[in-house]
Amino acid sequence: MKKNEFVQMIKDTEYCADISKKDIEAVINGISDAITEVIAQEDSVKLGSVGTFSGFTRPAKDMRNPRDGSTVHVPEKHGFPKSPLQDVNMKTCRPAPVEPAPQGLFSCSGCGTVSWCCL
């Protein structure tokens, strides 16, 4: 989904019907900037039912190359894992096909049913 489609989707909700697209886009940009700043500071922020955004630094280390046994230096890495919350897992959960039962089924941690969700 493109940003302008997302803005229109938000505008179509009952909460934002009287707010202009320009104002909605400004709020989205502000949220994006704030989350980026939190991640850069390696802190975390929890956004309601959307998820938790956080930043991390994985320190530099020396690893062994399995092919020839030589030592390889792996540089420091900065990243940002995003973990969806339970509400998002529940809404995106898809029931498993009824017949035939494929081998890859498992019990969903979000809804407890046997499904393909949360992969």
C-alpha atoms as a PDB file:
ATOM      1  CA  MET A   1       0.000   0.000   0.000  1.00  0.00           C
ATOM      2  CA  LYS A   2       1.321   3.417  -0.901  1.00  0.00           C
ATOM      3  CA  LYS A   3       1.360   6.326   1.530  1.00  0.00           C
ATOM      4  CA  ASN A   4      -1.436   8.271  -0.204  1.00  0.00           C
ATOM      5  CA  GLU A   5      -3.631   5.139  -0.152  1.00  0.00           C
ATOM      6  CA  PHE A   6      -2.879   4.738   3.555  1.00  0.00           C
ATOM      7  CA  VAL A   7      -3.789   8.388   4.209  1.00  0.00           C
ATOM      8  CA  GLN A   8      -7.079   7.903   2.341  1.00  0.00           C
ATOM      9  CA  MET A   9      -7.789   4.733   4.334  1.00  0.00           C
ATOM     10  CA  ILE A  10      -7.314   6.659   7.586  1.00  0.00           C
ATOM     11  CA  LYS A  11      -9.489   9.516   6.307  1.00  0.00           C
ATOM     12  CA  ASP A  12     -12.285   7.041   5.523  1.00  0.00           C
ATOM     13  CA  THR A  13     -12.514   5.949   9.165  1.00  0.00           C
ATOM     14  CA  GLU A  14     -15.147   7.497  11.414  1.00  0.00           C
ATOM     15  CA  TYR A  15     -12.442   8.933  13.694  1.00  0.00           C
ATOM     16  CA  CYS A  16     -10.860  11.085  10.970  1.00  0.00           C
ATOM     17  CA  ALA A  17     -13.759  11.970   8.683  1.00  0.00           C
ATOM     18  CA  ASP A  18     -13.520  15.690   9.501  1.00  0.00           C
ATOM     19  CA  ILE A  19      -9.702  15.905   9.332  1.00  0.00           C
ATOM     20  CA  SER A  20      -7.964  16.930   6.108  1.00  0.00           C
ATOM     21  CA  LYS A  21      -5.607  14.601   4.244  1.00  0.00           C
ATOM     22  CA  LYS A  22      -2.825  17.150   4.700  1.00  0.00           C
ATOM     23  CA  ASP A  23      -3.229  17.029   8.492  1.00  0.00           C
ATOM     24  CA  ILE A  24      -3.331  13.211   8.492  1.00  0.00           C
ATOM     25  CA  GLU A  25      -0.147  13.092   6.418  1.00  0.00           C
ATOM     26  CA  ALA A  26       1.530  15.543   8.827  1.00  0.00           C
ATOM     27  CA  VAL A  27       0.646  13.290  11.771  1.00  0.00           C
ATOM     28  CA  ILE A  28       1.981  10.208   9.948  1.00  0.00           C
ATOM     29  CA  ASN A  29       5.235  12.044   9.188  1.00  0.00           C
ATOM     30  CA  GLY A  30       5.498  13.146  12.822  1.00  0.00           C
ATOM     31  CA  ILE A  31       4.946   9.618  14.113  1.00  0.00           C
ATOM     32  CA  SER A  32       7.503   8.268  11.645  1.00  0.00           C
ATOM     33  CA  ASP A  33      10.095  10.856  12.738  1.00  0.00           C
ATOM     34  CA  ALA A  34       9.418  10.175  16.429  1.00  0.00           C
ATOM     35  CA  ILE A  35       9.755   6.390  16.000  1.00  0.00           C
ATOM     36  CA  THR A  36      12.978   6.881  14.031  1.00  0.00           C
ATOM     37  CA  GLU A  37      14.366   9.061  16.844  1.00  0.00           C
ATOM     38  CA  VAL A  38      13.428   6.449  19.477  1.00  0.00           C
ATOM     39  CA  ILE A  39      15.107   3.703  17.465  1.00  0.00           C
ATOM     40  CA  ALA A  40      18.228   5.838  16.970  1.00  0.00           C
ATOM     41  CA  GLN A  41      18.453   6.279  20.759  1.00  0.00           C
ATOM     42  CA  GLU A  42      18.097   2.487  21.167  1.00  0.00           C
ATOM     43  CA  ASP A  43      14.970   2.984  23.244  1.00  0.00           C
ATOM     44  CA  SER A  44      11.543   1.448  22.610  1.00  0.00           C
ATOM     45  CA  VAL A  45       8.009   2.721  22.090  1.00  0.00           C
ATOM     46  CA  LYS A  46       4.782   0.732  22.296  1.00  0.00           C
ATOM     47  CA  LEU A  47       1.988   1.839  19.945  1.00  0.00           C
ATOM     48  CA  GLY A  48      -1.325   0.475  21.195  1.00  0.00           C
ATOM     49  CA  SER A  49      -2.338  -2.611  19.264  1.00  0.00           C
ATOM     50  CA  VAL A  50       0.218  -2.053  16.473  1.00  0.00           C
ATOM     51  CA  GLY A  51       3.410  -3.218  18.131  1.00  0.00           C
ATOM     52  CA  THR A  52       6.604  -2.301  19.890  1.00  0.00           C
ATOM     53  CA  PHE A  53       9.402  -0.535  18.031  1.00  0.00           C
ATOM     54  CA  SER A  54      12.896  -0.602  19.501  1.00  0.00           C
ATOM     55  CA  GLY A  55      16.501  -0.145  18.475  1.00  0.00           C
ATOM     56  CA  PHE A  56      19.536  -2.258  19.275  1.00  0.00           C
ATOM     57  CA  THR A  57      23.252  -2.463  18.659  1.00  0.00           C
ATOM     58  CA  ARG A  58      24.915  -5.813  18.106  1.00  0.00           C
ATOM     59  CA  PRO A  59      28.605  -5.410  19.011  1.00  0.00           C
ATOM     60  CA  ALA A  60      31.422  -6.221  16.590  1.00  0.00           C
ATOM     61  CA  LYS A  61      32.863  -9.706  16.877  1.00  0.00           C
ATOM     62  CA  ASP A  62      35.287 -12.113  15.252  1.00  0.00           C
ATOM     63  CA  MET A  63      33.743 -15.223  13.720  1.00  0.00           C
ATOM     64  CA  ARG A  64      35.212 -18.345  12.104  1.00  0.00           C
ATOM     65  CA  ASN A  65      34.687 -18.969   8.391  1.00  0.00           C
ATOM     66  CA  PRO A  66      33.396 -22.568   8.257  1.00  0.00           C
ATOM     67  CA  ARG A  67      34.755 -23.105   4.738  1.00  0.00           C
ATOM     68  CA  ASP A  68      38.445 -22.475   5.415  1.00  0.00           C
ATOM     69  CA  GLY A  69      38.642 -21.911   9.182  1.00  0.00           C
ATOM     70  CA  SER A  70      39.955 -18.354   8.892  1.00  0.00           C
ATOM     71  CA  THR A  71      38.843 -15.586  11.247  1.00  0.00           C
ATOM     72  CA  VAL A  72      36.419 -13.027   9.832  1.00  0.00           C
ATOM     73  CA  HIS A  73      35.644  -9.700  11.499  1.00  0.00           C
ATOM     74  CA  VAL A  74      31.907  -8.917  11.670  1.00  0.00           C
ATOM     75  CA  PRO A  75      31.305  -5.174  12.190  1.00  0.00           C
ATOM     76  CA  GLU A  76      28.929  -3.622  14.711  1.00  0.00           C
ATOM     77  CA  LYS A  77      25.301  -3.733  13.558  1.00  0.00           C
ATOM     78  CA  HIS A  78      22.455  -1.366  14.359  1.00  0.00           C
ATOM     79  CA  GLY A  79      18.928  -2.600  13.857  1.00  0.00           C
ATOM     80  CA  PHE A  80      15.323  -2.305  14.830  1.00  0.00           C
ATOM     81  CA  PRO A  81      13.199  -5.384  15.426  1.00  0.00           C
ATOM     82  CA  LYS A  82       9.458  -4.762  15.358  1.00  0.00           C
ATOM     83  CA  SER A  83       7.304  -7.129  17.336  1.00  0.00           C
ATOM     84  CA  PRO A  84       3.581  -7.160  16.541  1.00  0.00           C
ATOM     85  CA  LEU A  85       1.262  -7.369  19.484  1.00  0.00           C
ATOM     86  CA  GLN A  86      -1.368  -9.999  20.177  1.00  0.00           C
ATOM     87  CA  ASP A  87      -4.222  -7.976  18.587  1.00  0.00           C
ATOM     88  CA  VAL A  88      -2.432  -7.816  15.240  1.00  0.00           C
ATOM     89  CA  ASN A  89      -1.635 -11.535  15.369  1.00  0.00           C
ATOM     90  CA  MET A  90      -5.289 -12.313  16.076  1.00  0.00           C
ATOM     91  CA  LYS A  91      -6.565 -10.185  13.154  1.00  0.00           C
ATOM     92  CA  THR A  92      -4.075 -11.615  10.667  1.00  0.00           C
ATOM     93  CA  CYS A  93      -4.623 -15.220  11.731  1.00  0.00           C
ATOM     94  CA  ARG A  94      -5.901 -17.400   8.886  1.00  0.00           C
ATOM     95  CA  PRO A  95      -7.629 -20.713   9.621  1.00  0.00           C
ATOM     96  CA  ALA A  96      -5.953 -23.812   8.272  1.00  0.00           C
ATOM     97  CA  PRO A  97      -7.403 -25.627   5.268  1.00  0.00           C
ATOM     98  CA  VAL A  98      -9.869 -28.299   6.340  1.00  0.00           C
ATOM     99  CA  GLU A  99      -8.946 -31.047   3.866  1.00  0.00           C
ATOM    100  CA  PRO A 100      -6.377 -32.424   3.340  1.00  0.00           C
ATOM    101  CA  ALA A 101      -4.356 -31.564   6.432  1.00  0.00           C
ATOM    102  CA  PRO A 102      -0.889 -30.471   5.219  1.00  0.00           C
ATOM    103  CA  GLN A 103       2.192 -31.369   7.224  1.00  0.00           C
ATOM    104  CA  GLY A 104       3.166 -27.770   8.116  1.00  0.00           C
ATOM    105  CA  LEU A 105       0.266 -27.044  10.487  1.00  0.00           C
ATOM    106  CA  PHE A 106       0.962 -25.862  14.014  1.00  0.00           C
ATOM    107  CA  SER A 107      -0.893 -24.403  16.948  1.00  0.00           C
ATOM    108  CA  CYS A 108      -1.077 -20.614  16.672  1.00  0.00           C
ATOM    109  CA  SER A 109       0.236 -18.751  19.693  1.00  0.00           C
ATOM    110  CA  GLY A 110      -2.106 -15.848  18.859  1.00  0.00           C
ATOM    111  CA  CYS A 111      -5.438 -17.643  18.766  1.00  0.00           C
ATOM    112  CA  GLY A 112      -4.660 -21.202  19.904  1.00  0.00           C
ATOM    113  CA  THR A 113      -6.140 -22.809  16.770  1.00  0.00           C
ATOM    114  CA  VAL A 114      -4.326 -24.997  14.292  1.00  0.00           C
ATOM    115  CA  SER A 115      -3.432 -22.616  11.467  1.00  0.00           C
ATOM    116  CA  TRP A 116      -0.876 -21.183   9.055  1.00  0.00           C
ATOM    117  CA  CYS A 117      -0.797 -17.759  10.730  1.00  0.00           C
ATOM    118  CA  CYS A 118       2.032 -15.991  12.486  1.00  0.00           C
ATOM    119  CA  LEU A 119       4.724 -17.372  10.162  1.00  0.00           C
END
